[in-house]
Amino acid sequence: MKITGFSLPAAAAAVLAVALVAASSYAQAPPPAQGPAGAPPAPGHFKMPNPTNLQVLPKDMTGDQVMEIMHGWEAQLGGECSTCHAADPTRKMPNGKPALNFADDSKKEKKIARLMLHMTMDINKNYVSTIENSGQPVKCGTCHRGHVTPEPFVPKPDHDDHDHDDHDHPPAAAAHPGTR
């Protein structure tokens, strides 16, 4: 069955699901072609170690693949690695700052990110995919738009500058259930 219309909450949910499905599909893409075995990494590129605690992304991903996805999410959310990943005070980076412990699950933001990724994958798989010509999948940035906490939507003040007599409307009570 194809859906041709849906409510704003359903649309938002659908957008998030599409983003998660896209992220999981992207995560399963084959790794980019690499140089000969044993060749040093490109200048300025540190080879990321393989991840040890993947719970939503495919477990066979390389560290570089996960890092590429994480940087995309970081941009869509306007956050930093440390938004979700805890610092490890026992390990220092070359700049003297504590290294991040990517496997650590102590931050609530990481738990929320995993939940949001599951939600987005569900929306994309079970909602957006059922809409004919639905277009792009839902991604983190669909709702977050560069903010760790999504900004509230405020309609344009002139959104109501059209003649409502040009189309049919449901009765007032049905149009806004739960309102007086």
Protein backbone atom coordinates (compact mmCIF):
# COMPACT_ATOMS: atom_id res chain seq x y z
CA MET A 1 0.00 0.00 0.00
CA LYS A 2 1.37 3.43 -0.94
CA ILE A 3 0.74 6.41 1.31
CA THR A 4 0.12 9.75 -0.34
CA GLY A 5 -0.44 12.00 2.69
CA PHE A 6 0.59 11.98 6.33
CA SER A 7 0.71 14.16 9.44
CA LEU A 8 3.65 16.36 10.46
CA PRO A 9 4.74 14.03 13.32
CA ALA A 10 4.64 11.06 10.94
CA ALA A 11 6.64 13.02 8.39
CA ALA A 12 9.27 13.94 10.98
CA ALA A 13 9.49 10.33 12.08
CA ALA A 14 9.79 9.23 8.48
CA VAL A 15 12.57 11.69 7.82
CA LEU A 16 14.57 10.41 10.78
CA ALA A 17 14.14 6.79 9.72
CA VAL A 18 15.34 7.50 6.22
CA ALA A 19 18.47 9.12 7.62
CA LEU A 20 19.26 6.11 9.74
CA VAL A 21 18.72 3.69 6.88
CA ALA A 22 20.95 5.84 4.70
CA ALA A 23 23.60 5.90 7.38
CA SER A 24 23.45 2.15 7.84
CA SER A 25 23.51 1.58 4.07
CA TYR A 26 26.47 3.92 3.74
CA ALA A 27 28.19 2.15 6.59
CA GLN A 28 27.91 -1.14 4.72
CA ALA A 29 29.52 0.24 1.56
CA PRO A 30 32.86 -1.33 0.68
CA PRO A 31 35.92 0.55 1.93
CA PRO A 32 37.62 2.92 -0.49
CA ALA A 33 40.48 1.52 -2.54
CA GLN A 34 43.74 1.62 -0.63
CA GLY A 35 47.35 1.61 -1.68
CA PRO A 36 49.58 -1.45 -1.69
CA ALA A 37 49.69 -3.51 1.48
CA GLY A 38 52.11 -2.08 3.98
CA ALA A 39 52.12 1.34 2.30
CA PRO A 40 52.16 4.21 4.80
CA PRO A 41 48.96 6.23 5.18
CA ALA A 42 48.61 9.44 3.22
CA PRO A 43 50.41 12.43 4.77
CA GLY A 44 48.35 13.98 7.57
CA HIS A 45 46.13 10.88 7.81
CA PHE A 46 46.21 8.76 10.94
CA LYS A 47 44.85 5.25 10.39
CA MET A 48 42.11 4.72 12.94
CA PRO A 49 42.21 1.46 14.89
CA ASN A 50 39.36 -0.96 14.26
CA PRO A 51 36.36 -0.28 16.52
CA THR A 52 35.69 -2.61 19.44
CA ASN A 53 32.18 -1.66 20.58
CA LEU A 54 29.91 -1.26 17.55
CA GLN A 55 26.31 -1.91 18.56
CA VAL A 56 24.33 -0.34 15.71
CA LEU A 57 26.79 -0.04 12.82
CA PRO A 58 28.03 -3.26 11.17
CA LYS A 59 30.71 -4.89 13.32
CA ASP A 60 33.04 -5.52 10.36
CA MET A 61 33.59 -1.82 9.63
CA THR A 62 37.12 -0.43 9.71
CA GLY A 63 38.11 2.42 11.98
CA ASP A 64 38.43 4.73 8.98
CA GLN A 65 34.91 3.83 7.76
CA VAL A 66 33.42 4.50 11.19
CA MET A 67 35.36 7.77 11.48
CA GLU A 68 34.01 8.95 8.11
CA ILE A 69 30.43 8.26 9.22
CA MET A 70 31.03 9.90 12.61
CA HIS A 71 32.40 13.04 10.96
CA GLY A 72 29.24 13.22 8.83
CA TRP A 73 27.05 12.96 11.91
CA GLU A 74 29.23 15.49 13.71
CA ALA A 75 28.59 17.99 10.90
CA GLN A 76 24.85 17.28 10.78
CA LEU A 77 24.56 17.71 14.55
CA GLY A 78 26.95 20.61 15.01
CA GLY A 79 28.71 18.66 17.74
CA GLU A 80 32.18 17.34 18.36
CA CYS A 81 33.52 13.86 18.98
CA SER A 82 33.48 14.62 22.71
CA THR A 83 29.72 15.23 22.55
CA CYS A 84 29.22 11.44 22.66
CA HIS A 85 32.65 10.02 23.49
CA ALA A 86 34.20 10.17 26.97
CA ALA A 87 37.73 11.40 27.55
CA ASP A 88 40.31 8.93 28.82
CA PRO A 89 42.50 10.89 31.27
CA THR A 90 45.07 8.07 31.30
CA ARG A 91 45.89 8.58 27.59
CA LYS A 92 47.12 11.85 26.12
CA MET A 93 47.04 13.07 22.52
CA PRO A 94 50.14 14.70 20.96
CA ASN A 95 48.55 18.08 21.79
CA GLY A 96 48.45 17.15 25.50
CA LYS A 97 44.65 16.79 25.68
CA PRO A 98 43.11 13.54 26.90
CA ALA A 99 42.41 10.99 24.16
CA LEU A 100 38.82 9.88 23.65
CA ASN A 101 37.76 6.38 24.61
CA PHE A 102 35.48 5.52 21.69
CA ALA A 103 34.42 2.17 23.21
CA ASP A 104 33.29 3.74 26.51
CA ASP A 105 29.48 3.83 26.92
CA SER A 106 29.28 6.08 29.98
CA LYS A 107 27.90 9.21 28.28
CA LYS A 108 24.12 9.49 27.95
CA GLU A 109 24.59 11.29 24.63
CA LYS A 110 26.08 8.13 23.12
CA LYS A 111 23.10 6.09 24.29
CA ILE A 112 20.74 8.70 22.82
CA ALA A 113 22.68 8.70 19.53
CA ARG A 114 22.28 4.94 19.24
CA LEU A 115 18.57 5.22 19.98
CA MET A 116 18.21 7.98 17.37
CA LEU A 117 20.08 5.89 14.80
CA HIS A 118 17.68 2.97 15.41
CA MET A 119 14.75 5.40 15.10
CA THR A 120 16.02 6.84 11.82
CA MET A 121 16.61 3.38 10.36
CA ASP A 122 13.07 2.37 11.39
CA ILE A 123 11.54 5.51 9.88
CA ASN A 124 13.39 5.02 6.61
CA LYS A 125 12.61 1.31 6.38
CA ASN A 126 9.01 1.26 7.59
CA TYR A 127 7.67 4.67 6.63
CA VAL A 128 9.66 6.61 4.05
CA SER A 129 10.16 3.53 1.90
CA THR A 130 6.37 3.11 1.69
CA ILE A 131 5.84 6.59 0.25
CA GLU A 132 5.94 6.72 -3.53
CA ASN A 133 8.60 9.15 -4.77
CA SER A 134 9.63 9.93 -1.19
CA GLY A 135 12.99 11.31 -2.27
CA GLN A 136 15.95 11.49 0.08
CA PRO A 137 16.10 9.36 3.22
CA VAL A 138 15.91 10.86 6.67
CA LYS A 139 19.30 11.76 8.15
CA CYS A 140 20.40 13.27 11.45
CA GLY A 141 20.58 16.68 9.78
CA THR A 142 16.99 16.40 8.53
CA CYS A 143 15.79 17.45 11.97
CA HIS A 144 18.91 18.61 13.77
CA ARG A 145 20.12 20.95 11.00
CA GLY A 146 23.49 21.55 12.64
CA HIS A 147 22.27 21.63 16.27
CA VAL A 148 22.82 18.90 18.86
CA THR A 149 19.32 19.67 20.13
CA PRO A 150 16.95 20.40 17.24
CA GLU A 151 15.67 23.96 17.08
CA PRO A 152 11.88 24.35 17.38
CA PHE A 153 10.09 24.85 14.08
CA VAL A 154 8.45 28.26 13.80
CA PRO A 155 6.22 28.76 10.74
CA LYS A 156 6.75 31.90 8.73
CA PRO A 157 4.44 34.70 9.90
CA ASP A 158 2.94 34.98 6.43
CA HIS A 159 2.21 31.25 6.07
CA ASP A 160 -1.49 31.99 6.29
CA ASP A 161 -1.57 34.59 3.48
CA HIS A 162 -3.72 32.56 1.13
CA ASP A 163 -7.43 32.15 0.55
CA HIS A 164 -8.67 29.23 2.62
CA ASP A 165 -11.84 29.12 0.54
CA ASP A 166 -9.76 27.70 -2.34
CA HIS A 167 -9.74 24.22 -0.78
CA ASP A 168 -11.83 21.99 1.48
CA HIS A 169 -11.19 21.77 5.21
CA PRO A 170 -12.23 19.16 7.74
CA PRO A 171 -14.50 20.32 10.55
CA ALA A 172 -12.56 22.34 13.16
CA ALA A 173 -12.75 19.62 15.84
CA ALA A 174 -11.37 16.97 13.47
CA ALA A 175 -8.66 19.29 12.14
CA HIS A 176 -7.08 19.74 15.56
CA PRO A 177 -7.89 16.77 17.83
CA GLY A 178 -7.32 17.40 21.48
CA THR A 179 -7.68 21.18 21.25
CA ARG A 180 -10.56 23.33 22.37
